[in-house]
């Protein structure tokens, strides 16, 4: 009988690290611990890629590269998706 074999996890988040992000999930800042880890890892990767230590500079350089590569969504598309996800909001 052939049984499907699950590939080993490529990534592991230690429980102590996950616990540090849980309060942000509980407050609604992130939808999950995985999302929080993804955001943190992305920021760290930007710093490494661009060789800077300032988060603002890393974000600026990342945005410039994204625009140059054409790898972005139009603002109207993003706002339409947010309205669909969270509903209309008043200012």
PDB file of N, CA and C in Angstrom:
ATOM      1  N   UNK A   1       0.843  -1.169   0.000  1.00  0.00           N
ATOM      2  CA  UNK A   1       0.000   0.000   0.000  1.00  0.00           C
ATOM      3  C   UNK A   1       0.894   1.239   0.000  1.00  0.00           C
ATOM      4  N   UNK A   2       0.697   2.099  -0.964  1.00  0.00           N
ATOM      5  CA  UNK A   2       1.470   3.327  -1.039  1.00  0.00           C
ATOM      6  C   UNK A   2       0.804   4.406  -0.204  1.00  0.00           C
ATOM      7  N   UNK A   3       1.565   4.954   0.677  1.00  0.00           N
ATOM      8  CA  UNK A   3       1.069   6.012   1.543  1.00  0.00           C
ATOM      9  C   UNK A   3       1.782   7.304   1.169  1.00  0.00           C
ATOM     10  N   UNK A   4       1.023   8.420   0.966  1.00  0.00           N
ATOM     11  CA  UNK A   4       1.705   9.662   0.632  1.00  0.00           C
ATOM     12  C   UNK A   4       2.666  10.071   1.746  1.00  0.00           C
ATOM     13  N   UNK A   5       3.809  10.528   1.340  1.00  0.00           N
ATOM     14  CA  UNK A   5       4.818  10.955   2.306  1.00  0.00           C
ATOM     15  C   UNK A   5       4.834  12.472   2.332  1.00  0.00           C
ATOM     16  N   UNK A   6       4.652  12.997   3.505  1.00  0.00           N
ATOM     17  CA  UNK A   6       4.678  14.455   3.668  1.00  0.00           C
ATOM     18  C   UNK A   6       6.127  14.907   3.693  1.00  0.00           C
ATOM     19  N   UNK A   7       6.455  15.890   2.838  1.00  0.00           N
ATOM     20  CA  UNK A   7       7.836  16.379   2.875  1.00  0.00           C
ATOM     21  C   UNK A   7       8.123  17.049   4.210  1.00  0.00           C
ATOM     22  N   UNK A   8       9.349  17.015   4.653  1.00  0.00           N
ATOM     23  CA  UNK A   8       9.668  17.650   5.933  1.00  0.00           C
ATOM     24  C   UNK A   8       9.464  19.156   5.855  1.00  0.00           C
ATOM     25  N   UNK A   9       9.106  19.736   6.987  1.00  0.00           N
ATOM     26  CA  UNK A   9       8.947  21.183   7.039  1.00  0.00           C
ATOM     27  C   UNK A   9      10.266  21.842   6.705  1.00  0.00           C
ATOM     28  N   UNK A  10      10.189  22.845   5.858  1.00  0.00           N
ATOM     29  CA  UNK A  10      11.389  23.576   5.490  1.00  0.00           C
ATOM     30  C   UNK A  10      11.722  24.609   6.560  1.00  0.00           C
ATOM     31  N   UNK A  11      10.687  25.135   7.188  1.00  0.00           N
ATOM     32  CA  UNK A  11      10.875  26.180   8.181  1.00  0.00           C
ATOM     33  C   UNK A  11      10.223  25.771   9.489  1.00  0.00           C
ATOM     34  N   UNK A  12      10.825  26.178  10.565  1.00  0.00           N
ATOM     35  CA  UNK A  12      10.292  25.882  11.889  1.00  0.00           C
ATOM     36  C   UNK A  12      10.377  27.149  12.725  1.00  0.00           C
ATOM     37  N   UNK A  13       9.284  27.506  13.341  1.00  0.00           N
ATOM     38  CA  UNK A  13       9.257  28.663  14.235  1.00  0.00           C
ATOM     39  C   UNK A  13       9.241  28.130  15.657  1.00  0.00           C
ATOM     40  N   UNK A  14      10.282  28.393  16.415  1.00  0.00           N
ATOM     41  CA  UNK A  14      10.294  27.915  17.797  1.00  0.00           C
ATOM     42  C   UNK A  14       9.117  28.509  18.577  1.00  0.00           C
ATOM     43  N   UNK A  15       8.526  27.733  19.451  1.00  0.00           N
ATOM     44  CA  UNK A  15       7.387  28.222  20.232  1.00  0.00           C
ATOM     45  C   UNK A  15       7.685  29.528  20.978  1.00  0.00           C
ATOM     46  N   UNK A  16       8.910  29.697  21.464  1.00  0.00           N
ATOM     47  CA  UNK A  16       9.242  30.924  22.194  1.00  0.00           C
ATOM     48  C   UNK A  16       9.193  32.147  21.276  1.00  0.00           C
ATOM     49  N   UNK A  17       9.569  31.973  20.009  1.00  0.00           N
ATOM     50  CA  UNK A  17       9.491  33.075  19.055  1.00  0.00           C
ATOM     51  C   UNK A  17       8.038  33.343  18.666  1.00  0.00           C
ATOM     52  N   UNK A  18       7.292  32.285  18.424  1.00  0.00           N
ATOM     53  CA  UNK A  18       5.880  32.450  18.084  1.00  0.00           C
ATOM     54  C   UNK A  18       5.134  33.158  19.212  1.00  0.00           C
ATOM     55  N   UNK A  19       5.486  32.856  20.445  1.00  0.00           N
ATOM     56  CA  UNK A  19       4.821  33.480  21.601  1.00  0.00           C
ATOM     57  C   UNK A  19       5.068  34.980  21.654  1.00  0.00           C
ATOM     58  N   UNK A  20       6.198  35.427  21.151  1.00  0.00           N
ATOM     59  CA  UNK A  20       6.500  36.861  21.151  1.00  0.00           C
ATOM     60  C   UNK A  20       5.603  37.622  20.174  1.00  0.00           C
ATOM     61  N   UNK A  21       5.155  36.952  19.113  1.00  0.00           N
ATOM     62  CA  UNK A  21       4.288  37.592  18.129  1.00  0.00           C
ATOM     63  C   UNK A  21       2.805  37.455  18.462  1.00  0.00           C
ATOM     64  N   UNK A  22       2.463  36.509  19.316  1.00  0.00           N
ATOM     65  CA  UNK A  22       1.053  36.243  19.602  1.00  0.00           C
ATOM     66  C   UNK A  22       0.292  37.465  20.115  1.00  0.00           C
ATOM     67  N   UNK A  23       0.860  38.309  20.999  1.00  0.00           N
ATOM     68  CA  UNK A  23       0.106  39.492  21.435  1.00  0.00           C
ATOM     69  C   UNK A  23      -0.287  40.418  20.279  1.00  0.00           C
ATOM     70  N   UNK A  24       0.551  40.505  19.251  1.00  0.00           N
ATOM     71  CA  UNK A  24       0.207  41.330  18.089  1.00  0.00           C
ATOM     72  C   UNK A  24      -0.927  40.712  17.283  1.00  0.00           C
ATOM     73  N   UNK A  25      -0.976  39.391  17.253  1.00  0.00           N
ATOM     74  CA  UNK A  25      -2.082  38.700  16.600  1.00  0.00           C
ATOM     75  C   UNK A  25      -3.357  38.932  17.403  1.00  0.00           C
ATOM     76  N   UNK A  26      -3.261  38.820  18.714  1.00  0.00           N
ATOM     77  CA  UNK A  26      -4.427  39.025  19.581  1.00  0.00           C
ATOM     78  C   UNK A  26      -4.991  40.439  19.456  1.00  0.00           C
ATOM     79  N   UNK A  27      -4.115  41.427  19.227  1.00  0.00           N
ATOM     80  CA  UNK A  27      -4.547  42.822  19.070  1.00  0.00           C
ATOM     81  C   UNK A  27      -5.081  43.106  17.672  1.00  0.00           C
ATOM     82  N   UNK A  28      -4.908  42.165  16.758  1.00  0.00           N
ATOM     83  CA  UNK A  28      -5.391  42.352  15.396  1.00  0.00           C
ATOM     84  C   UNK A  28      -4.393  43.019  14.464  1.00  0.00           C
ATOM     85  N   UNK A  29      -3.156  43.204  14.918  1.00  0.00           N
ATOM     86  CA  UNK A  29      -2.134  43.805  14.063  1.00  0.00           C
ATOM     87  C   UNK A  29      -1.808  42.858  12.911  1.00  0.00           C
ATOM     88  N   UNK A  30      -1.752  41.561  13.197  1.00  0.00           N
ATOM     89  CA  UNK A  30      -1.511  40.530  12.197  1.00  0.00           C
ATOM     90  C   UNK A  30      -2.627  39.499  12.292  1.00  0.00           C
ATOM     91  N   UNK A  31      -2.877  38.812  11.175  1.00  0.00           N
ATOM     92  CA  UNK A  31      -3.912  37.779  11.173  1.00  0.00           C
ATOM     93  C   UNK A  31      -3.425  36.477  11.787  1.00  0.00           C
ATOM     94  N   UNK A  32      -2.109  36.271  11.756  1.00  0.00           N
ATOM     95  CA  UNK A  32      -1.553  35.032  12.293  1.00  0.00           C
ATOM     96  C   UNK A  32      -0.091  35.260  12.652  1.00  0.00           C
ATOM     97  N   UNK A  33       0.442  34.323  13.415  1.00  0.00           N
ATOM     98  CA  UNK A  33       1.864  34.378  13.740  1.00  0.00           C
ATOM     99  C   UNK A  33       2.687  34.240  12.458  1.00  0.00           C
ATOM    100  N   UNK A  34       2.216  33.399  11.549  1.00  0.00           N
ATOM    101  CA  UNK A  34       2.915  33.219  10.283  1.00  0.00           C
ATOM    102  C   UNK A  34       3.027  34.516   9.494  1.00  0.00           C
ATOM    103  N   UNK A  35       1.943  35.311   9.489  1.00  0.00           N
ATOM    104  CA  UNK A  35       1.978  36.594   8.793  1.00  0.00           C
ATOM    105  C   UNK A  35       2.983  37.536   9.455  1.00  0.00           C
ATOM    106  N   UNK A  36       3.004  37.563  10.781  1.00  0.00           N
ATOM    107  CA  UNK A  36       3.942  38.420  11.507  1.00  0.00           C
ATOM    108  C   UNK A  36       5.383  38.022  11.186  1.00  0.00           C
ATOM    109  N   UNK A  37       5.657  36.728  11.162  1.00  0.00           N
ATOM    110  CA  UNK A  37       6.997  36.240  10.839  1.00  0.00           C
ATOM    111  C   UNK A  37       7.357  36.614   9.402  1.00  0.00           C
ATOM    112  N   UNK A  38       6.398  36.492   8.493  1.00  0.00           N
ATOM    113  CA  UNK A  38       6.636  36.849   7.097  1.00  0.00           C
ATOM    114  C   UNK A  38       7.008  38.324   6.962  1.00  0.00           C
ATOM    115  N   UNK A  39       6.271  39.207   7.647  1.00  0.00           N
ATOM    116  CA  UNK A  39       6.549  40.642   7.584  1.00  0.00           C
ATOM    117  C   UNK A  39       7.937  40.938   8.157  1.00  0.00           C
ATOM    118  N   UNK A  40       8.238  40.341   9.297  1.00  0.00           N
ATOM    119  CA  UNK A  40       9.549  40.570   9.919  1.00  0.00           C
ATOM    120  C   UNK A  40      10.680  40.041   9.035  1.00  0.00           C
ATOM    121  N   UNK A  41      10.496  38.864   8.483  1.00  0.00           N
ATOM    122  CA  UNK A  41      11.535  38.282   7.632  1.00  0.00           C
ATOM    123  C   UNK A  41      11.710  39.092   6.350  1.00  0.00           C
ATOM    124  N   UNK A  42      10.616  39.617   5.803  1.00  0.00           N
ATOM    125  CA  UNK A  42      10.701  40.442   4.600  1.00  0.00           C
ATOM    126  C   UNK A  42      11.482  41.721   4.870  1.00  0.00           C
ATOM    127  N   UNK A  43      11.228  42.345   6.016  1.00  0.00           N
ATOM    128  CA  UNK A  43      11.953  43.565   6.371  1.00  0.00           C
ATOM    129  C   UNK A  43      13.442  43.259   6.539  1.00  0.00           C
ATOM    130  N   UNK A  44      13.742  42.156   7.180  1.00  0.00           N
ATOM    131  CA  UNK A  44      15.140  41.761   7.366  1.00  0.00           C
ATOM    132  C   UNK A  44      15.804  41.461   6.017  1.00  0.00           C
ATOM    133  N   UNK A  45      15.077  40.778   5.133  1.00  0.00           N
ATOM    134  CA  UNK A  45      15.617  40.459   3.811  1.00  0.00           C
ATOM    135  C   UNK A  45      15.891  41.728   3.013  1.00  0.00           C
ATOM    136  N   UNK A  46      14.989  42.727   3.118  1.00  0.00           N
ATOM    137  CA  UNK A  46      15.216  44.002   2.428  1.00  0.00           C
ATOM    138  C   UNK A  46      16.483  44.667   2.934  1.00  0.00           C
ATOM    139  N   UNK A  47      16.671  44.661   4.244  1.00  0.00           N
ATOM    140  CA  UNK A  47      17.888  45.254   4.816  1.00  0.00           C
ATOM    141  C   UNK A  47      19.128  44.565   4.260  1.00  0.00           C
ATOM    142  N   UNK A  48      19.099  43.237   4.208  1.00  0.00           N
ATOM    143  CA  UNK A  48      20.252  42.488   3.705  1.00  0.00           C
ATOM    144  C   UNK A  48      20.469  42.734   2.215  1.00  0.00           C
ATOM    145  N   UNK A  49      19.379  42.723   1.454  1.00  0.00           N
ATOM    146  CA  UNK A  49      19.489  42.881   0.002  1.00  0.00           C
ATOM    147  C   UNK A  49      20.101  44.226  -0.378  1.00  0.00           C
ATOM    148  N   UNK A  50      19.675  45.278   0.326  1.00  0.00           N
ATOM    149  CA  UNK A  50      20.115  46.618  -0.037  1.00  0.00           C
ATOM    150  C   UNK A  50      21.293  47.106   0.805  1.00  0.00           C
ATOM    151  N   UNK A  51      21.742  46.312   1.764  1.00  0.00           N
ATOM    152  CA  UNK A  51      22.911  46.655   2.557  1.00  0.00           C
ATOM    153  C   UNK A  51      22.740  47.901   3.403  1.00  0.00           C
ATOM    154  N   UNK A  52      21.540  48.066   3.967  1.00  0.00           N
ATOM    155  CA  UNK A  52      21.275  49.229   4.820  1.00  0.00           C
ATOM    156  C   UNK A  52      20.808  48.743   6.191  1.00  0.00           C
ATOM    157  N   UNK A  53      20.911  49.607   7.175  1.00  0.00           N
ATOM    158  CA  UNK A  53      20.441  49.257   8.516  1.00  0.00           C
ATOM    159  C   UNK A  53      19.202  50.046   8.897  1.00  0.00           C
ATOM    160  N   UNK A  54      18.837  51.011   8.088  1.00  0.00           N
ATOM    161  CA  UNK A  54      17.668  51.838   8.360  1.00  0.00           C
ATOM    162  C   UNK A  54      16.448  51.244   7.666  1.00  0.00           C
ATOM    163  N   UNK A  55      15.394  50.960   8.436  1.00  0.00           N
ATOM    164  CA  UNK A  55      14.187  50.365   7.856  1.00  0.00           C
ATOM    165  C   UNK A  55      13.555  51.254   6.798  1.00  0.00           C
ATOM    166  N   UNK A  56      13.509  52.545   7.044  1.00  0.00           N
ATOM    167  CA  UNK A  56      12.886  53.464   6.090  1.00  0.00           C
ATOM    168  C   UNK A  56      13.640  53.443   4.760  1.00  0.00           C
ATOM    169  N   UNK A  57      14.950  53.453   4.833  1.00  0.00           N
ATOM    170  CA  UNK A  57      15.756  53.396   3.607  1.00  0.00           C
ATOM    171  C   UNK A  57      15.560  52.069   2.893  1.00  0.00           C
ATOM    172  N   UNK A  58      15.492  50.982   3.622  1.00  0.00           N
ATOM    173  CA  UNK A  58      15.264  49.669   3.015  1.00  0.00           C
ATOM    174  C   UNK A  58      13.911  49.631   2.320  1.00  0.00           C
ATOM    175  N   UNK A  59      12.888  50.189   2.961  1.00  0.00           N
ATOM    176  CA  UNK A  59      11.551  50.224   2.351  1.00  0.00           C
ATOM    177  C   UNK A  59      11.573  51.073   1.087  1.00  0.00           C
ATOM    178  N   UNK A  60      12.233  52.242   1.162  1.00  0.00           N
ATOM    179  CA  UNK A  60      12.312  53.128  -0.003  1.00  0.00           C
ATOM    180  C   UNK A  60      12.986  52.418  -1.177  1.00  0.00           C
ATOM    181  N   UNK A  61      14.103  51.754  -0.917  1.00  0.00           N
ATOM    182  CA  UNK A  61      14.820  51.046  -1.973  1.00  0.00           C
ATOM    183  C   UNK A  61      14.005  49.877  -2.519  1.00  0.00           C
ATOM    184  N   UNK A  62      13.287  49.200  -1.635  1.00  0.00           N
ATOM    185  CA  UNK A  62      12.443  48.091  -2.063  1.00  0.00           C
ATOM    186  C   UNK A  62      11.316  48.583  -2.976  1.00  0.00           C
ATOM    187  N   UNK A  63      10.722  49.707  -2.615  1.00  0.00           N
ATOM    188  CA  UNK A  63       9.653  50.283  -3.439  1.00  0.00           C
ATOM    189  C   UNK A  63      10.205  50.693  -4.802  1.00  0.00           C
ATOM    190  N   UNK A  64      11.371  51.343  -4.810  1.00  0.00           N
ATOM    191  CA  UNK A  64      11.982  51.741  -6.079  1.00  0.00           C
ATOM    192  C   UNK A  64      12.221  50.531  -6.976  1.00  0.00           C
ATOM    193  N   UNK A  65      12.744  49.451  -6.397  1.00  0.00           N
ATOM    194  CA  UNK A  65      13.020  48.242  -7.176  1.00  0.00           C
ATOM    195  C   UNK A  65      11.721  47.634  -7.703  1.00  0.00           C
ATOM    196  N   UNK A  66      10.690  47.615  -6.877  1.00  0.00           N
ATOM    197  CA  UNK A  66       9.401  47.067  -7.293  1.00  0.00           C
ATOM    198  C   UNK A  66       8.838  47.852  -8.469  1.00  0.00           C
ATOM    199  N   UNK A  67       8.951  49.184  -8.413  1.00  0.00           N
ATOM    200  CA  UNK A  67       8.456  50.021  -9.509  1.00  0.00           C
ATOM    201  C   UNK A  67       9.268  49.764 -10.778  1.00  0.00           C
ATOM    202  N   UNK A  68      10.588  49.690 -10.629  1.00  0.00           N
ATOM    203  CA  UNK A  68      11.442  49.421 -11.782  1.00  0.00           C
ATOM    204  C   UNK A  68      11.098  48.079 -12.432  1.00  0.00           C
ATOM    205  N   UNK A  69      10.803  47.081 -11.597  1.00  0.00           N
ATOM    206  CA  UNK A  69      10.492  45.742 -12.106  1.00  0.00           C
ATOM    207  C   UNK A  69       9.054  45.635 -12.611  1.00  0.00           C
ATOM    208  N   UNK A  70       8.218  46.637 -12.308  1.00  0.00           N
ATOM    209  CA  UNK A  70       6.811  46.586 -12.698  1.00  0.00           C
ATOM    210  C   UNK A  70       6.028  45.550 -11.911  1.00  0.00           C
ATOM    211  N   UNK A  71       6.523  45.212 -10.736  1.00  0.00           N
ATOM    212  CA  UNK A  71       5.925  44.161  -9.914  1.00  0.00           C
ATOM    213  C   UNK A  71       5.069  44.768  -8.805  1.00  0.00           C
ATOM    214  N   UNK A  72       3.961  45.391  -9.190  1.00  0.00           N
ATOM    215  CA  UNK A  72       3.101  46.015  -8.198  1.00  0.00           C
ATOM    216  C   UNK A  72       1.667  46.039  -8.712  1.00  0.00           C
ATOM    217  N   UNK A  73       0.732  46.262  -7.794  1.00  0.00           N
ATOM    218  CA  UNK A  73      -0.677  46.398  -8.152  1.00  0.00           C
ATOM    219  C   UNK A  73      -1.054  47.866  -8.126  1.00  0.00           C
ATOM    220  N   UNK A  74      -1.924  48.252  -9.025  1.00  0.00           N
ATOM    221  CA  UNK A  74      -2.437  49.605  -9.055  1.00  0.00           C
ATOM    222  C   UNK A  74      -3.166  49.899  -7.742  1.00  0.00           C
ATOM    223  N   UNK A  75      -3.048  51.114  -7.247  1.00  0.00           N
ATOM    224  CA  UNK A  75      -3.655  51.500  -5.969  1.00  0.00           C
ATOM    225  C   UNK A  75      -5.158  51.249  -5.965  1.00  0.00           C
ATOM    226  N   UNK A  76      -5.832  51.509  -7.065  1.00  0.00           N
ATOM    227  CA  UNK A  76      -7.283  51.292  -7.120  1.00  0.00           C
ATOM    228  C   UNK A  76      -7.636  49.820  -6.924  1.00  0.00           C
ATOM    229  N   UNK A  77      -6.807  48.941  -7.454  1.00  0.00           N
ATOM    230  CA  UNK A  77      -7.028  47.497  -7.277  1.00  0.00           C
ATOM    231  C   UNK A  77      -6.849  47.131  -5.808  1.00  0.00           C
ATOM    232  N   UNK A  78      -5.801  47.648  -5.189  1.00  0.00           N
ATOM    233  CA  UNK A  78      -5.540  47.355  -3.779  1.00  0.00           C
ATOM    234  C   UNK A  78      -6.680  47.862  -2.909  1.00  0.00           C
ATOM    235  N   UNK A  79      -7.116  49.105  -3.126  1.00  0.00           N
ATOM    236  CA  UNK A  79      -8.199  49.669  -2.318  1.00  0.00           C
ATOM    237  C   UNK A  79      -9.512  48.932  -2.544  1.00  0.00           C
ATOM    238  N   UNK A  80      -9.771  48.491  -3.771  1.00  0.00           N
ATOM    239  CA  UNK A  80     -10.983  47.712  -4.046  1.00  0.00           C
ATOM    240  C   UNK A  80     -10.946  46.391  -3.281  1.00  0.00           C
ATOM    241  N   UNK A  81      -9.776  45.743  -3.239  1.00  0.00           N
ATOM    242  CA  UNK A  81      -9.650  44.487  -2.488  1.00  0.00           C
ATOM    243  C   UNK A  81      -9.832  44.720  -0.992  1.00  0.00           C
ATOM    244  N   UNK A  82      -9.283  45.828  -0.486  1.00  0.00           N
ATOM    245  CA  UNK A  82      -9.455  46.140   0.937  1.00  0.00           C
ATOM    246  C   UNK A  82     -10.915  46.430   1.266  1.00  0.00           C
ATOM    247  N   UNK A  83     -11.596  47.179   0.386  1.00  0.00           N
ATOM    248  CA  UNK A  83     -13.027  47.454   0.621  1.00  0.00           C
ATOM    249  C   UNK A  83     -13.832  46.166   0.615  1.00  0.00           C
ATOM    250  N   UNK A  84     -13.487  45.271  -0.303  1.00  0.00           N
ATOM    251  CA  UNK A  84     -14.189  43.993  -0.376  1.00  0.00           C
ATOM    252  C   UNK A  84     -13.928  43.176   0.886  1.00  0.00           C
ATOM    253  N   UNK A  85     -12.693  43.207   1.356  1.00  0.00           N
ATOM    254  CA  UNK A  85     -12.325  42.402   2.528  1.00  0.00           C
ATOM    255  C   UNK A  85     -12.897  42.960   3.819  1.00  0.00           C
ATOM    256  N   UNK A  86     -12.802  44.291   3.979  1.00  0.00           N
ATOM    257  CA  UNK A  86     -13.180  44.904   5.256  1.00  0.00           C
ATOM    258  C   UNK A  86     -14.449  45.740   5.189  1.00  0.00           C
ATOM    259  N   UNK A  87     -15.010  45.899   4.012  1.00  0.00           N
ATOM    260  CA  UNK A  87     -16.226  46.691   3.871  1.00  0.00           C
ATOM    261  C   UNK A  87     -15.896  48.161   3.712  1.00  0.00           C
ATOM    262  N   UNK A  88     -16.903  48.903   3.340  1.00  0.00           N
ATOM    263  CA  UNK A  88     -16.738  50.348   3.181  1.00  0.00           C
ATOM    264  C   UNK A  88     -16.528  50.986   4.523  1.00  0.00           C
ATOM    265  N   UNK A  89     -15.647  51.947   4.602  1.00  0.00           N
ATOM    266  CA  UNK A  89     -15.411  52.677   5.843  1.00  0.00           C
ATOM    267  C   UNK A  89     -15.568  54.153   5.599  1.00  0.00           C
ATOM    268  N   UNK A  90     -16.007  54.850   6.609  1.00  0.00           N
ATOM    269  CA  UNK A  90     -16.163  56.290   6.490  1.00  0.00           C
ATOM    270  C   UNK A  90     -14.989  57.005   7.127  1.00  0.00           C
ATOM    271  N   UNK A  91     -14.658  58.136   6.568  1.00  0.00           N
ATOM    272  CA  UNK A  91     -13.559  58.931   7.142  1.00  0.00           C
ATOM    273  C   UNK A  91     -14.059  59.823   8.228  1.00  0.00           C
TER     274      UNK A  91
END
